[in-house]
N, C-alpha and C. Protein backbone atom coordinates (compact mmCIF):
# COMPACT_ATOMS: atom_id res chain seq x y z
N UNK A 1 -14.57 3.37 20.49
CA UNK A 1 -13.70 2.80 21.51
C UNK A 1 -13.26 3.90 22.47
N UNK A 2 -13.41 3.70 23.79
CA UNK A 2 -13.07 4.76 24.74
C UNK A 2 -11.57 4.98 24.81
N UNK A 3 -11.18 6.22 25.10
CA UNK A 3 -9.75 6.44 25.31
C UNK A 3 -9.41 6.07 26.74
N UNK A 4 -8.14 6.07 27.08
CA UNK A 4 -7.70 5.56 28.38
C UNK A 4 -8.14 6.44 29.55
N UNK A 5 -8.61 7.66 29.28
CA UNK A 5 -9.03 8.53 30.37
C UNK A 5 -10.51 8.39 30.70
N UNK A 6 -11.27 7.75 29.82
CA UNK A 6 -12.70 7.58 30.05
C UNK A 6 -12.94 6.39 30.97
N UNK A 7 -14.06 6.43 31.68
CA UNK A 7 -14.41 5.29 32.50
C UNK A 7 -15.00 4.20 31.62
N UNK A 8 -14.76 2.99 31.97
CA UNK A 8 -15.23 1.84 31.20
C UNK A 8 -16.10 0.99 32.10
N UNK A 9 -17.37 0.79 31.75
CA UNK A 9 -18.22 -0.03 32.61
C UNK A 9 -17.81 -1.50 32.57
N UNK A 10 -17.74 -2.12 33.73
CA UNK A 10 -17.44 -3.54 33.86
C UNK A 10 -18.47 -4.12 34.81
N UNK A 11 -19.27 -5.05 34.33
CA UNK A 11 -20.34 -5.64 35.15
C UNK A 11 -21.21 -4.58 35.81
N UNK A 12 -21.50 -3.53 35.08
CA UNK A 12 -22.39 -2.50 35.61
C UNK A 12 -21.70 -1.47 36.50
N UNK A 13 -20.41 -1.64 36.74
CA UNK A 13 -19.67 -0.69 37.58
C UNK A 13 -18.69 0.09 36.72
N UNK A 14 -18.56 1.35 37.01
CA UNK A 14 -17.61 2.20 36.31
C UNK A 14 -16.25 2.10 36.97
N UNK A 15 -15.22 2.17 36.18
CA UNK A 15 -13.86 2.22 36.71
C UNK A 15 -13.58 3.69 37.06
N UNK A 16 -13.68 4.01 38.34
CA UNK A 16 -13.46 5.37 38.81
C UNK A 16 -12.00 5.78 38.56
N UNK A 17 -11.78 6.88 37.85
CA UNK A 17 -10.40 7.28 37.53
C UNK A 17 -9.51 7.44 38.77
N UNK A 18 -10.06 7.95 39.87
CA UNK A 18 -9.26 8.11 41.08
C UNK A 18 -8.86 6.74 41.65
N UNK A 19 -9.78 5.79 41.62
CA UNK A 19 -9.48 4.45 42.11
C UNK A 19 -8.49 3.75 41.18
N UNK A 20 -8.62 3.96 39.88
CA UNK A 20 -7.68 3.38 38.91
C UNK A 20 -6.26 3.87 39.23
N UNK A 21 -6.11 5.17 39.46
CA UNK A 21 -4.78 5.75 39.77
C UNK A 21 -4.26 5.22 41.10
N UNK A 22 -5.15 5.09 42.08
CA UNK A 22 -4.74 4.57 43.39
C UNK A 22 -4.22 3.14 43.26
N UNK A 23 -4.93 2.32 42.51
CA UNK A 23 -4.50 0.93 42.32
C UNK A 23 -3.22 0.90 41.50
N UNK A 24 -3.10 1.77 40.51
CA UNK A 24 -1.86 1.84 39.73
C UNK A 24 -0.68 2.14 40.65
N UNK A 25 -0.89 3.04 41.61
CA UNK A 25 0.15 3.34 42.58
C UNK A 25 0.52 2.14 43.44
N UNK A 26 -0.49 1.37 43.85
CA UNK A 26 -0.23 0.15 44.61
C UNK A 26 0.59 -0.85 43.79
N UNK A 27 0.24 -1.00 42.52
CA UNK A 27 0.94 -1.93 41.63
C UNK A 27 2.40 -1.50 41.46
N UNK A 28 2.62 -0.24 41.17
CA UNK A 28 3.97 0.29 40.98
C UNK A 28 4.80 0.09 42.24
N UNK A 29 4.22 0.41 43.38
CA UNK A 29 4.93 0.29 44.65
C UNK A 29 5.21 -1.17 45.01
N UNK A 30 4.21 -2.03 44.91
CA UNK A 30 4.36 -3.43 45.30
C UNK A 30 5.37 -4.16 44.43
N UNK A 31 5.43 -3.81 43.15
CA UNK A 31 6.30 -4.53 42.21
C UNK A 31 7.58 -3.77 41.89
N UNK A 32 7.77 -2.61 42.53
CA UNK A 32 8.95 -1.78 42.27
C UNK A 32 9.17 -1.55 40.77
N UNK A 33 8.09 -1.18 40.10
CA UNK A 33 8.16 -0.95 38.66
C UNK A 33 8.89 0.35 38.36
N UNK A 34 9.56 0.39 37.23
CA UNK A 34 10.27 1.59 36.80
C UNK A 34 9.39 2.43 35.88
N UNK A 35 8.14 2.55 36.27
CA UNK A 35 7.17 3.35 35.52
C UNK A 35 6.34 4.10 36.55
N UNK A 36 5.91 5.30 36.19
CA UNK A 36 5.06 6.07 37.10
C UNK A 36 3.62 5.62 36.95
N UNK A 37 2.87 5.72 38.03
CA UNK A 37 1.47 5.26 38.00
C UNK A 37 0.65 5.93 36.91
N UNK A 38 0.91 7.20 36.63
CA UNK A 38 0.12 7.89 35.60
C UNK A 38 0.59 7.57 34.18
N UNK A 39 1.63 6.77 34.04
CA UNK A 39 2.10 6.34 32.73
C UNK A 39 1.47 5.01 32.31
N UNK A 40 0.75 4.36 33.21
CA UNK A 40 0.12 3.08 32.91
C UNK A 40 -1.24 3.33 32.26
N UNK A 41 -1.42 2.77 31.08
CA UNK A 41 -2.69 2.89 30.37
C UNK A 41 -3.73 2.03 31.10
N UNK A 42 -4.80 2.63 31.64
CA UNK A 42 -5.79 1.87 32.40
C UNK A 42 -6.50 0.79 31.59
N UNK A 43 -6.49 0.91 30.28
CA UNK A 43 -7.17 -0.08 29.43
C UNK A 43 -6.21 -1.15 28.90
N UNK A 44 -4.90 -0.97 29.13
CA UNK A 44 -3.91 -1.93 28.62
C UNK A 44 -3.92 -3.20 29.46
N UNK A 45 -3.61 -4.32 28.84
CA UNK A 45 -3.54 -5.58 29.59
C UNK A 45 -2.48 -5.50 30.69
N UNK A 46 -2.79 -6.10 31.83
CA UNK A 46 -1.81 -6.17 32.92
C UNK A 46 -0.86 -7.34 32.70
N UNK A 47 -1.42 -8.45 32.26
CA UNK A 47 -0.66 -9.69 32.12
C UNK A 47 -0.09 -9.82 30.71
N UNK A 48 1.15 -10.27 30.61
CA UNK A 48 1.75 -10.45 29.28
C UNK A 48 2.00 -9.12 28.61
N UNK A 49 1.49 -8.96 27.37
CA UNK A 49 1.68 -7.68 26.68
C UNK A 49 0.99 -6.58 27.48
N UNK A 50 1.24 -5.35 27.15
CA UNK A 50 0.71 -4.25 27.97
C UNK A 50 1.72 -3.94 29.06
N UNK A 51 1.31 -4.08 30.30
CA UNK A 51 2.20 -3.79 31.42
C UNK A 51 3.26 -4.87 31.58
N UNK A 52 2.99 -6.06 31.10
CA UNK A 52 4.01 -7.12 31.09
C UNK A 52 4.16 -7.91 32.37
N UNK A 53 3.12 -7.94 33.20
CA UNK A 53 3.21 -8.68 34.45
C UNK A 53 3.15 -10.18 34.19
N UNK A 54 3.81 -10.94 35.05
CA UNK A 54 3.72 -12.40 34.96
C UNK A 54 2.84 -12.91 36.10
N UNK A 55 2.69 -14.21 36.20
CA UNK A 55 1.77 -14.78 37.18
C UNK A 55 2.18 -14.47 38.62
N UNK A 56 3.46 -14.41 38.91
CA UNK A 56 3.94 -14.06 40.26
C UNK A 56 3.58 -12.60 40.57
N UNK A 57 3.76 -11.73 39.58
CA UNK A 57 3.38 -10.31 39.76
C UNK A 57 1.89 -10.18 40.06
N UNK A 58 1.07 -10.93 39.33
CA UNK A 58 -0.37 -10.87 39.52
C UNK A 58 -0.73 -11.34 40.94
N UNK A 59 -0.07 -12.38 41.42
CA UNK A 59 -0.31 -12.84 42.80
C UNK A 59 0.03 -11.75 43.81
N UNK A 60 1.13 -11.05 43.58
CA UNK A 60 1.54 -9.96 44.47
C UNK A 60 0.53 -8.82 44.43
N UNK A 61 0.05 -8.48 43.24
CA UNK A 61 -0.97 -7.45 43.10
C UNK A 61 -2.24 -7.87 43.85
N UNK A 62 -2.64 -9.12 43.68
CA UNK A 62 -3.83 -9.63 44.37
C UNK A 62 -3.68 -9.49 45.88
N UNK A 63 -2.50 -9.77 46.39
CA UNK A 63 -2.25 -9.68 47.83
C UNK A 63 -2.37 -8.24 48.32
N UNK A 64 -1.72 -7.29 47.66
CA UNK A 64 -1.78 -5.90 48.13
C UNK A 64 -3.17 -5.31 47.96
N UNK A 65 -3.86 -5.66 46.89
CA UNK A 65 -5.22 -5.16 46.69
C UNK A 65 -6.15 -5.75 47.76
N UNK A 66 -5.99 -7.03 48.04
CA UNK A 66 -6.81 -7.67 49.08
C UNK A 66 -6.61 -7.00 50.44
N UNK A 67 -5.36 -6.75 50.79
CA UNK A 67 -5.07 -6.10 52.08
C UNK A 67 -5.63 -4.67 52.13
N UNK A 68 -5.42 -3.93 51.06
CA UNK A 68 -5.82 -2.52 51.04
C UNK A 68 -7.34 -2.32 51.04
N UNK A 69 -8.07 -3.19 50.34
CA UNK A 69 -9.50 -2.96 50.15
C UNK A 69 -10.39 -3.94 50.91
N UNK A 70 -9.80 -4.83 51.69
CA UNK A 70 -10.56 -5.64 52.63
C UNK A 70 -11.37 -6.79 52.06
N UNK A 71 -10.96 -7.33 50.94
CA UNK A 71 -11.63 -8.52 50.42
C UNK A 71 -10.59 -9.42 49.76
N UNK A 72 -10.91 -10.67 49.63
CA UNK A 72 -9.96 -11.67 49.12
C UNK A 72 -10.11 -11.86 47.62
N UNK A 73 -9.01 -11.70 46.91
CA UNK A 73 -8.93 -12.08 45.50
C UNK A 73 -8.40 -13.50 45.49
N UNK A 74 -9.19 -14.42 45.04
CA UNK A 74 -8.83 -15.83 45.13
C UNK A 74 -8.10 -16.32 43.88
N UNK A 75 -7.09 -17.12 44.12
CA UNK A 75 -6.26 -17.67 43.05
C UNK A 75 -7.08 -18.51 42.06
N UNK A 76 -8.09 -19.20 42.56
CA UNK A 76 -8.86 -20.11 41.72
C UNK A 76 -10.17 -19.50 41.21
N UNK A 77 -10.33 -18.18 41.33
CA UNK A 77 -11.55 -17.51 40.85
C UNK A 77 -11.60 -17.61 39.33
N UNK A 78 -12.70 -18.13 38.81
CA UNK A 78 -12.84 -18.28 37.36
C UNK A 78 -12.90 -16.95 36.63
N UNK A 79 -13.13 -15.86 37.34
CA UNK A 79 -13.19 -14.53 36.72
C UNK A 79 -11.85 -13.79 36.71
N UNK A 80 -10.76 -14.43 37.16
CA UNK A 80 -9.47 -13.75 37.25
C UNK A 80 -8.99 -13.19 35.92
N UNK A 81 -9.23 -13.91 34.84
CA UNK A 81 -8.81 -13.37 33.54
C UNK A 81 -9.50 -12.05 33.24
N UNK A 82 -10.78 -11.95 33.57
CA UNK A 82 -11.52 -10.71 33.37
C UNK A 82 -11.06 -9.65 34.37
N UNK A 83 -10.94 -10.05 35.64
CA UNK A 83 -10.58 -9.10 36.70
C UNK A 83 -9.23 -8.44 36.42
N UNK A 84 -8.24 -9.25 36.03
CA UNK A 84 -6.88 -8.74 35.83
C UNK A 84 -6.58 -8.37 34.38
N UNK A 85 -7.61 -8.24 33.55
CA UNK A 85 -7.40 -7.88 32.14
C UNK A 85 -6.76 -6.50 32.03
N UNK A 86 -7.17 -5.56 32.89
CA UNK A 86 -6.64 -4.20 32.84
C UNK A 86 -6.84 -3.53 34.19
N UNK A 87 -6.23 -2.36 34.36
CA UNK A 87 -6.46 -1.58 35.58
C UNK A 87 -7.93 -1.19 35.70
N UNK A 88 -8.55 -0.85 34.57
CA UNK A 88 -9.98 -0.50 34.60
C UNK A 88 -10.81 -1.66 35.15
N UNK A 89 -10.55 -2.87 34.66
CA UNK A 89 -11.30 -4.03 35.14
C UNK A 89 -11.04 -4.28 36.62
N UNK A 90 -9.78 -4.20 37.03
CA UNK A 90 -9.43 -4.43 38.43
C UNK A 90 -10.10 -3.38 39.31
N UNK A 91 -10.08 -2.12 38.90
CA UNK A 91 -10.70 -1.05 39.67
C UNK A 91 -12.22 -1.24 39.77
N UNK A 92 -12.84 -1.67 38.69
CA UNK A 92 -14.29 -1.92 38.73
C UNK A 92 -14.61 -3.07 39.68
N UNK A 93 -13.78 -4.09 39.68
CA UNK A 93 -13.98 -5.24 40.59
C UNK A 93 -13.79 -4.79 42.04
N UNK A 94 -12.76 -3.99 42.29
CA UNK A 94 -12.53 -3.47 43.65
C UNK A 94 -13.71 -2.62 44.10
N UNK A 95 -14.22 -1.75 43.22
CA UNK A 95 -15.36 -0.89 43.58
C UNK A 95 -16.57 -1.73 43.97
N UNK A 96 -16.73 -2.86 43.32
CA UNK A 96 -17.86 -3.74 43.57
C UNK A 96 -17.71 -4.52 44.88
N UNK A 97 -16.50 -4.88 45.27
CA UNK A 97 -16.26 -5.79 46.39
C UNK A 97 -15.65 -5.17 47.64
N UNK A 98 -15.11 -3.99 47.55
CA UNK A 98 -14.33 -3.44 48.67
C UNK A 98 -15.17 -3.30 49.94
N UNK A 99 -14.48 -3.51 51.06
CA UNK A 99 -15.11 -3.32 52.37
C UNK A 99 -14.47 -2.17 53.11
N UNK A 100 -13.36 -1.66 52.59
CA UNK A 100 -12.72 -0.48 53.21
C UNK A 100 -12.09 0.40 52.16
């Protein structure tokens, strides 16, 4: 099992550690979390246990990620559970879809 500092392949894409940290910073800033971006385990769940985000938090994260990286994260996407499973998964999805 990889440790939180290793990259984890998701759909053939690696979760780039720099992109993971950048997205962690966006999450912390958008949600005014009382945790530093480097304290978030990239493999920990975002929703529920782990980081403890709720559905409103996830919507806010989707909005800031969409604006920052130039693609739409859709509310009704059947892959949302996979995409938002962890920072690693979200970063791999962003790497695959980003336009900026």
